[in-house]
Amino acid sequence: MSDEVIDPSLEQQPGQGGPAKPAKASMLPLIIVVVTMPVVSFAMVKFAIVPGIRADIAAKFESLKTGEGEGAEGAAPAAEAGKSEAKDDGHGKPAEKKADAHGAKPAEKKDDGHGAKPAEKKEGGGHADNGASEKPDKNAAKKTKSGWEIDFPTVVSSLTGSLGTKYVKCTFSVVSDDAHIREVVDENKSKLRDTVITVLRARSLADMEALNAKTVLCSEIAANFNKALNSNTVKQIFLTELLIQ
């Protein structure tokens, strides 16, 4: 018996076709799943999830609108009730205020039937009357050892012989035995001021620089004040400021 010779070319080589076909067929379901998954996800989002979310939002919005409408309807009767309370009683007078939450009515202001205003609050006990509580007048004369003293307004005047180049500024106090010296001076202020200017203008720079210039000036002003007032009410003049420039 002769040996059978097999052609090596007829043997199946590794990597050639034939048995590989079943492997391709097993990949087909996986490909189908991969391709259809996006389509299925899109369809679920569009036709299931999104409509549900929209319906939920619409329901909440509708409930909010319904709640606002009910609140407005409830506020209208309250406003009408408030207006009805504000109506007058037919005699031109507004209706009385209702009692508060604790049942206490507000106190009503009563008059005496003739349009008189209600009585004002009285001052507490132990306080002085209105006359005693008033502040003292700062311009009133003050009592001193020399008498009743007041301040006279500052007077500025030029000196004689200076051709208007030298001026004297004079401020002084008036002392009197009269407690009403302030009223007397105020009533004659223009006349007394003119008297002081006349006395100062009649003096020269040498007169103002003399040793006893202040004493002489005070005596002369006091004498001219009494002459202007036609009395002896002015007792003394005290210089508080004397400035020459």
C-alpha atoms as a PDB file:
ATOM      1  CA  MET A   1       0.000   0.000   0.000  1.00  0.00           C
ATOM      2  CA  SER A   2       1.405   3.284  -1.016  1.00  0.00           C
ATOM      3  CA  ASP A   3       1.637   6.185   1.373  1.00  0.00           C
ATOM      4  CA  GLU A   4      -0.838   9.108   0.714  1.00  0.00           C
ATOM      5  CA  VAL A   5       0.893  12.341   0.102  1.00  0.00           C
ATOM      6  CA  ILE A   6      -0.847  15.454   1.543  1.00  0.00           C
ATOM      7  CA  ASP A   7      -0.215  18.787  -0.066  1.00  0.00           C
ATOM      8  CA  PRO A   8       1.014  21.223   2.564  1.00  0.00           C
ATOM      9  CA  SER A   9      -0.730  24.070   0.740  1.00  0.00           C
ATOM     10  CA  LEU A  10      -4.067  22.466   1.574  1.00  0.00           C
ATOM     11  CA  GLU A  11      -3.505  22.742   5.337  1.00  0.00           C
ATOM     12  CA  GLN A  12      -5.265  25.602   7.099  1.00  0.00           C
ATOM     13  CA  GLN A  13      -2.950  28.417   7.840  1.00  0.00           C
ATOM     14  CA  PRO A  14      -3.401  30.436  11.011  1.00  0.00           C
ATOM     15  CA  GLY A  15      -5.136  33.833  10.531  1.00  0.00           C
ATOM     16  CA  GLN A  16      -6.988  32.752   7.369  1.00  0.00           C
ATOM     17  CA  GLY A  17     -10.770  33.059   6.840  1.00  0.00           C
ATOM     18  CA  GLY A  18     -13.251  30.316   7.492  1.00  0.00           C
ATOM     19  CA  PRO A  19     -13.744  29.752  11.207  1.00  0.00           C
ATOM     20  CA  ALA A  20     -13.594  33.591  11.894  1.00  0.00           C
ATOM     21  CA  LYS A  21     -17.184  34.139  10.608  1.00  0.00           C
ATOM     22  CA  PRO A  22     -18.904  33.094  13.849  1.00  0.00           C
ATOM     23  CA  ALA A  23     -16.878  35.799  15.762  1.00  0.00           C
ATOM     24  CA  LYS A  24     -18.334  38.599  13.569  1.00  0.00           C
ATOM     25  CA  ALA A  25     -21.844  37.340  14.137  1.00  0.00           C
ATOM     26  CA  SER A  26     -21.387  37.541  17.945  1.00  0.00           C
ATOM     27  CA  MET A  27     -20.490  41.303  17.723  1.00  0.00           C
ATOM     28  CA  LEU A  28     -23.771  42.270  16.026  1.00  0.00           C
ATOM     29  CA  PRO A  29     -25.960  42.583  19.184  1.00  0.00           C
ATOM     30  CA  LEU A  30     -23.343  44.805  20.870  1.00  0.00           C
ATOM     31  CA  ILE A  31     -23.263  47.109  17.862  1.00  0.00           C
ATOM     32  CA  ILE A  32     -27.052  47.326  17.855  1.00  0.00           C
ATOM     33  CA  VAL A  33     -27.094  48.262  21.567  1.00  0.00           C
ATOM     34  CA  VAL A  34     -24.410  50.926  21.139  1.00  0.00           C
ATOM     35  CA  VAL A  35     -26.273  52.464  18.196  1.00  0.00           C
ATOM     36  CA  THR A  36     -29.752  52.416  19.747  1.00  0.00           C
ATOM     37  CA  MET A  37     -28.821  53.643  23.285  1.00  0.00           C
ATOM     38  CA  PRO A  38     -28.531  57.383  22.362  1.00  0.00           C
ATOM     39  CA  VAL A  39     -31.808  57.198  20.476  1.00  0.00           C
ATOM     40  CA  VAL A  40     -33.594  55.574  23.394  1.00  0.00           C
ATOM     41  CA  SER A  41     -32.085  58.092  25.886  1.00  0.00           C
ATOM     42  CA  PHE A  42     -33.131  61.057  23.748  1.00  0.00           C
ATOM     43  CA  ALA A  43     -36.637  59.681  23.384  1.00  0.00           C
ATOM     44  CA  MET A  44     -37.004  59.156  27.154  1.00  0.00           C
ATOM     45  CA  VAL A  45     -35.756  62.663  27.962  1.00  0.00           C
ATOM     46  CA  LYS A  46     -37.966  64.337  25.361  1.00  0.00           C
ATOM     47  CA  PHE A  47     -41.184  62.367  25.799  1.00  0.00           C
ATOM     48  CA  ALA A  48     -41.052  61.285  29.468  1.00  0.00           C
ATOM     49  CA  ILE A  49     -38.787  63.405  31.693  1.00  0.00           C
ATOM     50  CA  VAL A  50     -39.215  66.882  30.147  1.00  0.00           C
ATOM     51  CA  PRO A  51     -43.052  66.739  30.002  1.00  0.00           C
ATOM     52  CA  GLY A  52     -43.129  65.652  33.646  1.00  0.00           C
ATOM     53  CA  ILE A  53     -40.927  68.569  34.728  1.00  0.00           C
ATOM     54  CA  ARG A  54     -43.017  71.028  32.734  1.00  0.00           C
ATOM     55  CA  ALA A  55     -46.216  69.715  34.274  1.00  0.00           C
ATOM     56  CA  ASP A  56     -44.765  70.042  37.782  1.00  0.00           C
ATOM     57  CA  ILE A  57     -43.650  73.646  37.135  1.00  0.00           C
ATOM     58  CA  ALA A  58     -47.033  74.557  35.647  1.00  0.00           C
ATOM     59  CA  ALA A  59     -48.827  73.102  38.670  1.00  0.00           C
ATOM     60  CA  LYS A  60     -46.684  75.077  41.119  1.00  0.00           C
ATOM     61  CA  PHE A  61     -47.135  78.305  39.127  1.00  0.00           C
ATOM     62  CA  GLU A  62     -50.880  77.766  39.041  1.00  0.00           C
ATOM     63  CA  SER A  63     -50.964  77.201  42.807  1.00  0.00           C
ATOM     64  CA  LEU A  64     -49.034  80.451  43.365  1.00  0.00           C
ATOM     65  CA  LYS A  65     -51.474  82.377  41.183  1.00  0.00           C
ATOM     66  CA  THR A  66     -54.384  80.852  43.054  1.00  0.00           C
ATOM     67  CA  GLY A  67     -52.870  81.839  46.417  1.00  0.00           C
ATOM     68  CA  GLU A  68     -52.296  85.455  45.297  1.00  0.00           C
ATOM     69  CA  GLY A  69     -55.849  85.718  44.072  1.00  0.00           C
ATOM     70  CA  GLU A  70     -57.202  84.497  47.365  1.00  0.00           C
ATOM     71  CA  GLY A  71     -55.021  86.999  49.259  1.00  0.00           C
ATOM     72  CA  ALA A  72     -56.264  89.875  47.106  1.00  0.00           C
ATOM     73  CA  GLU A  73     -59.867  88.787  47.562  1.00  0.00           C
ATOM     74  CA  GLY A  74     -59.341  88.642  51.326  1.00  0.00           C
ATOM     75  CA  ALA A  75     -57.719  92.080  51.393  1.00  0.00           C
ATOM     76  CA  ALA A  76     -60.635  93.707  49.547  1.00  0.00           C
ATOM     77  CA  PRO A  77     -63.228  93.005  52.269  1.00  0.00           C
ATOM     78  CA  ALA A  78     -60.756  94.226  54.898  1.00  0.00           C
ATOM     79  CA  ALA A  79     -60.268  97.486  52.985  1.00  0.00           C
ATOM     80  CA  GLU A  80     -64.024  97.913  52.606  1.00  0.00           C
ATOM     81  CA  ALA A  81     -64.442  97.317  56.343  1.00  0.00           C
ATOM     82  CA  GLY A  82     -61.807  99.953  57.111  1.00  0.00           C
ATOM     83  CA  LYS A  83     -63.546 102.472  54.855  1.00  0.00           C
ATOM     84  CA  SER A  84     -66.909 101.823  56.474  1.00  0.00           C
ATOM     85  CA  GLU A  85     -65.397 102.504  59.890  1.00  0.00           C
ATOM     86  CA  ALA A  86     -63.981 105.829  58.667  1.00  0.00           C
ATOM     87  CA  LYS A  87     -67.412 107.095  57.575  1.00  0.00           C
ATOM     88  CA  ASP A  88     -68.921 109.866  59.643  1.00  0.00           C
ATOM     89  CA  ASP A  89     -71.951 109.421  61.809  1.00  0.00           C
ATOM     90  CA  GLY A  90     -74.208 111.709  59.759  1.00  0.00           C
ATOM     91  CA  HIS A  91     -73.322 114.872  61.696  1.00  0.00           C
ATOM     92  CA  GLY A  92     -69.974 115.599  60.051  1.00  0.00           C
ATOM     93  CA  LYS A  93     -67.973 113.956  62.815  1.00  0.00           C
ATOM     94  CA  PRO A  94     -65.758 110.926  62.210  1.00  0.00           C
ATOM     95  CA  ALA A  95     -66.707 107.658  63.791  1.00  0.00           C
ATOM     96  CA  GLU A  96     -65.123 106.835  67.109  1.00  0.00           C
ATOM     97  CA  LYS A  97     -62.118 104.562  67.212  1.00  0.00           C
ATOM     98  CA  LYS A  98     -62.784 101.000  68.150  1.00  0.00           C
ATOM     99  CA  ALA A  99     -61.364  99.382  71.227  1.00  0.00           C
ATOM    100  CA  ASP A 100     -57.907  97.875  70.987  1.00  0.00           C
ATOM    101  CA  ALA A 101     -57.009  94.197  71.269  1.00  0.00           C
ATOM    102  CA  HIS A 102     -57.227  94.343  75.069  1.00  0.00           C
ATOM    103  CA  GLY A 103     -60.724  95.807  75.127  1.00  0.00           C
ATOM    104  CA  ALA A 104     -59.663  99.240  76.370  1.00  0.00           C
ATOM    105  CA  LYS A 105     -61.081 102.194  74.461  1.00  0.00           C
ATOM    106  CA  PRO A 106     -58.776 105.116  73.661  1.00  0.00           C
ATOM    107  CA  ALA A 107     -59.278 108.188  75.784  1.00  0.00           C
ATOM    108  CA  GLU A 108     -61.414 110.804  74.074  1.00  0.00           C
ATOM    109  CA  LYS A 109     -60.680 114.511  74.313  1.00  0.00           C
ATOM    110  CA  LYS A 110     -63.674 116.257  75.801  1.00  0.00           C
ATOM    111  CA  ASP A 111     -64.525 119.894  75.543  1.00  0.00           C
ATOM    112  CA  ASP A 112     -66.968 122.031  77.483  1.00  0.00           C
ATOM    113  CA  GLY A 113     -69.464 122.185  74.612  1.00  0.00           C
ATOM    114  CA  HIS A 114     -68.406 125.697  73.578  1.00  0.00           C
ATOM    115  CA  GLY A 115     -65.344 124.815  71.500  1.00  0.00           C
ATOM    116  CA  ALA A 116     -62.969 125.338  74.381  1.00  0.00           C
ATOM    117  CA  LYS A 117     -59.689 123.493  74.285  1.00  0.00           C
ATOM    118  CA  PRO A 118     -59.046 120.745  76.805  1.00  0.00           C
ATOM    119  CA  ALA A 119     -57.328 121.749  79.989  1.00  0.00           C
ATOM    120  CA  GLU A 120     -53.572 121.867  79.783  1.00  0.00           C
ATOM    121  CA  LYS A 121     -51.417 119.669  81.930  1.00  0.00           C
ATOM    122  CA  LYS A 122     -50.627 121.158  85.273  1.00  0.00           C
ATOM    123  CA  GLU A 123     -47.105 121.420  86.513  1.00  0.00           C
ATOM    124  CA  GLY A 124     -45.968 118.905  89.066  1.00  0.00           C
ATOM    125  CA  GLY A 125     -46.009 119.722  92.746  1.00  0.00           C
ATOM    126  CA  GLY A 126     -43.071 121.457  94.283  1.00  0.00           C
ATOM    127  CA  HIS A 127     -42.326 123.575  91.201  1.00  0.00           C
ATOM    128  CA  ALA A 128     -42.330 127.335  91.279  1.00  0.00           C
ATOM    129  CA  ASP A 129     -44.850 129.354  89.287  1.00  0.00           C
ATOM    130  CA  ASN A 130     -44.153 130.745  85.824  1.00  0.00           C
ATOM    131  CA  GLY A 131     -42.869 134.072  87.116  1.00  0.00           C
ATOM    132  CA  ALA A 132     -40.319 132.419  89.378  1.00  0.00           C
ATOM    133  CA  SER A 133     -39.173 129.978  86.685  1.00  0.00           C
ATOM    134  CA  GLU A 134     -38.245 132.684  84.187  1.00  0.00           C
ATOM    135  CA  LYS A 135     -34.548 133.250  83.611  1.00  0.00           C
ATOM    136  CA  PRO A 136     -33.111 136.531  84.883  1.00  0.00           C
ATOM    137  CA  ASP A 137     -32.491 139.264  82.333  1.00  0.00           C
ATOM    138  CA  LYS A 138     -28.808 139.434  81.464  1.00  0.00           C
ATOM    139  CA  ASN A 139     -29.149 143.110  80.549  1.00  0.00           C
ATOM    140  CA  ALA A 140     -30.635 144.040  83.902  1.00  0.00           C
ATOM    141  CA  ALA A 141     -28.522 146.085  86.325  1.00  0.00           C
ATOM    142  CA  LYS A 142     -26.458 144.078  88.790  1.00  0.00           C
ATOM    143  CA  LYS A 143     -26.043 145.032  92.409  1.00  0.00           C
ATOM    144  CA  THR A 144     -22.483 145.909  93.477  1.00  0.00           C
ATOM    145  CA  LYS A 145     -20.885 147.618  96.462  1.00  0.00           C
ATOM    146  CA  SER A 146     -20.840 150.889  94.529  1.00  0.00           C
ATOM    147  CA  GLY A 147     -24.485 150.625  93.453  1.00  0.00           C
ATOM    148  CA  TRP A 148     -26.432 149.314  90.452  1.00  0.00           C
ATOM    149  CA  GLU A 149     -24.041 148.714  87.545  1.00  0.00           C
ATOM    150  CA  ILE A 150     -24.632 148.215  83.802  1.00  0.00           C
ATOM    151  CA  ASP A 151     -22.353 147.960  80.741  1.00  0.00           C
ATOM    152  CA  PHE A 152     -22.495 150.725  78.144  1.00  0.00           C
ATOM    153  CA  PRO A 153     -21.905 149.845  74.446  1.00  0.00           C
ATOM    154  CA  THR A 154     -18.412 150.493  73.037  1.00  0.00           C
ATOM    155  CA  VAL A 155     -17.871 153.923  71.477  1.00  0.00           C
ATOM    156  CA  VAL A 156     -15.250 154.760  68.823  1.00  0.00           C
ATOM    157  CA  SER A 157     -14.299 158.370  68.007  1.00  0.00           C
ATOM    158  CA  SER A 158     -11.476 160.312  66.398  1.00  0.00           C
ATOM    159  CA  LEU A 159      -9.231 162.606  68.483  1.00  0.00           C
ATOM    160  CA  THR A 160      -9.038 166.330  67.896  1.00  0.00           C
ATOM    161  CA  GLY A 161      -6.018 167.639  65.969  1.00  0.00           C
ATOM    162  CA  SER A 162      -5.259 164.227  64.419  1.00  0.00           C
ATOM    163  CA  LEU A 163      -6.987 164.936  61.082  1.00  0.00           C
ATOM    164  CA  GLY A 164      -8.791 161.642  61.398  1.00  0.00           C
ATOM    165  CA  THR A 165      -5.621 159.558  61.807  1.00  0.00           C
ATOM    166  CA  LYS A 166      -5.997 158.787  65.512  1.00  0.00           C
ATOM    167  CA  TYR A 167      -8.970 157.016  67.016  1.00  0.00           C
ATOM    168  CA  VAL A 168      -9.935 156.091  70.535  1.00  0.00           C
ATOM    169  CA  LYS A 169     -12.044 153.050  71.460  1.00  0.00           C
ATOM    170  CA  CYS A 170     -13.793 153.362  74.818  1.00  0.00           C
ATOM    171  CA  THR A 171     -15.819 150.812  76.794  1.00  0.00           C
ATOM    172  CA  PHE A 172     -17.114 151.520  80.312  1.00  0.00           C
ATOM    173  CA  SER A 173     -19.679 150.678  83.008  1.00  0.00           C
ATOM    174  CA  VAL A 174     -22.278 153.044  84.441  1.00  0.00           C
ATOM    175  CA  VAL A 175     -22.927 152.937  88.211  1.00  0.00           C
ATOM    176  CA  SER A 176     -26.073 154.443  89.726  1.00  0.00           C
ATOM    177  CA  ASP A 177     -28.160 154.393  92.893  1.00  0.00           C
ATOM    178  CA  ASP A 178     -31.245 153.722  90.750  1.00  0.00           C
ATOM    179  CA  ALA A 179     -32.084 150.013  90.293  1.00  0.00           C
ATOM    180  CA  HIS A 180     -33.774 150.910  86.981  1.00  0.00           C
ATOM    181  CA  ILE A 181     -30.688 152.493  85.462  1.00  0.00           C
ATOM    182  CA  ARG A 182     -30.855 150.018  82.548  1.00  0.00           C
ATOM    183  CA  GLU A 183     -34.268 151.279  81.473  1.00  0.00           C
ATOM    184  CA  VAL A 184     -33.105 154.897  81.813  1.00  0.00           C
ATOM    185  CA  VAL A 185     -30.012 154.320  79.678  1.00  0.00           C
ATOM    186  CA  ASP A 186     -31.897 152.338  77.021  1.00  0.00           C
ATOM    187  CA  GLU A 187     -34.499 155.078  76.665  1.00  0.00           C
ATOM    188  CA  ASN A 188     -31.756 157.697  76.152  1.00  0.00           C
ATOM    189  CA  LYS A 189     -29.105 155.556  74.450  1.00  0.00           C
ATOM    190  CA  SER A 190     -28.700 157.745  71.345  1.00  0.00           C
ATOM    191  CA  LYS A 191     -28.381 160.922  73.406  1.00  0.00           C
ATOM    192  CA  LEU A 192     -25.839 159.376  75.799  1.00  0.00           C
ATOM    193  CA  ARG A 193     -23.808 157.859  72.952  1.00  0.00           C
ATOM    194  CA  ASP A 194     -23.594 161.259  71.280  1.00  0.00           C
ATOM    195  CA  THR A 195     -22.457 162.726  74.602  1.00  0.00           C
ATOM    196  CA  VAL A 196     -19.563 160.229  74.856  1.00  0.00           C
ATOM    197  CA  ILE A 197     -18.466 160.920  71.258  1.00  0.00           C
ATOM    198  CA  THR A 198     -18.486 164.660  71.928  1.00  0.00           C
ATOM    199  CA  VAL A 199     -16.305 164.206  75.041  1.00  0.00           C
ATOM    200  CA  LEU A 200     -13.801 161.968  73.232  1.00  0.00           C
ATOM    201  CA  ARG A 201     -13.605 164.104  70.093  1.00  0.00           C
ATOM    202  CA  ALA A 202     -12.788 167.181  72.173  1.00  0.00           C
ATOM    203  CA  ARG A 203      -9.650 165.521  73.561  1.00  0.00           C
ATOM    204  CA  SER A 204      -6.265 165.436  71.848  1.00  0.00           C
ATOM    205  CA  LEU A 205      -3.666 162.694  71.820  1.00  0.00           C
ATOM    206  CA  ALA A 206      -1.697 164.598  74.500  1.00  0.00           C
ATOM    207  CA  ASP A 207      -4.820 164.752  76.713  1.00  0.00           C
ATOM    208  CA  MET A 208      -5.325 160.976  76.429  1.00  0.00           C
ATOM    209  CA  GLU A 209      -1.682 160.306  77.277  1.00  0.00           C
ATOM    210  CA  ALA A 210      -1.681 162.508  80.419  1.00  0.00           C
ATOM    211  CA  LEU A 211      -1.117 160.901  83.836  1.00  0.00           C
ATOM    212  CA  ASN A 212      -4.662 161.376  85.157  1.00  0.00           C
ATOM    213  CA  ALA A 213      -6.363 161.107  81.733  1.00  0.00           C
ATOM    214  CA  LYS A 214      -8.620 158.174  82.711  1.00  0.00           C
ATOM    215  CA  THR A 215      -9.864 159.776  85.924  1.00  0.00           C
ATOM    216  CA  VAL A 216     -10.648 163.056  84.199  1.00  0.00           C
ATOM    217  CA  LEU A 217     -12.379 161.242  81.323  1.00  0.00           C
ATOM    218  CA  CYS A 218     -14.617 159.203  83.670  1.00  0.00           C
ATOM    219  CA  SER A 219     -15.622 162.302  85.648  1.00  0.00           C
ATOM    220  CA  GLU A 220     -16.410 164.239  82.474  1.00  0.00           C
ATOM    221  CA  ILE A 221     -18.553 161.430  81.016  1.00  0.00           C
ATOM    222  CA  ALA A 222     -20.521 161.063  84.290  1.00  0.00           C
ATOM    223  CA  ALA A 223     -21.153 164.818  84.479  1.00  0.00           C
ATOM    224  CA  ASN A 224     -22.326 164.988  80.857  1.00  0.00           C
ATOM    225  CA  PHE A 225     -24.590 161.926  81.355  1.00  0.00           C
ATOM    226  CA  ASN A 226     -26.341 163.581  84.300  1.00  0.00           C
ATOM    227  CA  LYS A 227     -26.638 166.775  82.255  1.00  0.00           C
ATOM    228  CA  ALA A 228     -28.189 164.870  79.336  1.00  0.00           C
ATOM    229  CA  LEU A 229     -30.580 163.018  81.659  1.00  0.00           C
ATOM    230  CA  ASN A 230     -31.338 166.165  83.664  1.00  0.00           C
ATOM    231  CA  SER A 231     -30.735 164.272  86.906  1.00  0.00           C
ATOM    232  CA  ASN A 232     -28.009 162.964  89.189  1.00  0.00           C
ATOM    233  CA  THR A 233     -28.797 159.308  88.496  1.00  0.00           C
ATOM    234  CA  VAL A 234     -25.245 158.490  87.258  1.00  0.00           C
ATOM    235  CA  LYS A 235     -22.913 158.054  90.212  1.00  0.00           C
ATOM    236  CA  GLN A 236     -19.673 156.786  88.654  1.00  0.00           C
ATOM    237  CA  ILE A 237     -18.099 155.694  85.364  1.00  0.00           C
ATOM    238  CA  PHE A 238     -15.646 152.755  85.322  1.00  0.00           C
ATOM    239  CA  LEU A 239     -13.471 152.315  82.235  1.00  0.00           C
ATOM    240  CA  THR A 240     -13.190 148.668  81.136  1.00  0.00           C
ATOM    241  CA  GLU A 241     -11.320 149.350  77.863  1.00  0.00           C
ATOM    242  CA  LEU A 242      -9.464 152.360  76.431  1.00  0.00           C
ATOM    243  CA  LEU A 243      -7.584 151.823  73.190  1.00  0.00           C
ATOM    244  CA  ILE A 244      -5.865 154.513  71.070  1.00  0.00           C
ATOM    245  CA  GLN A 245      -4.720 153.712  67.544  1.00  0.00           C
END
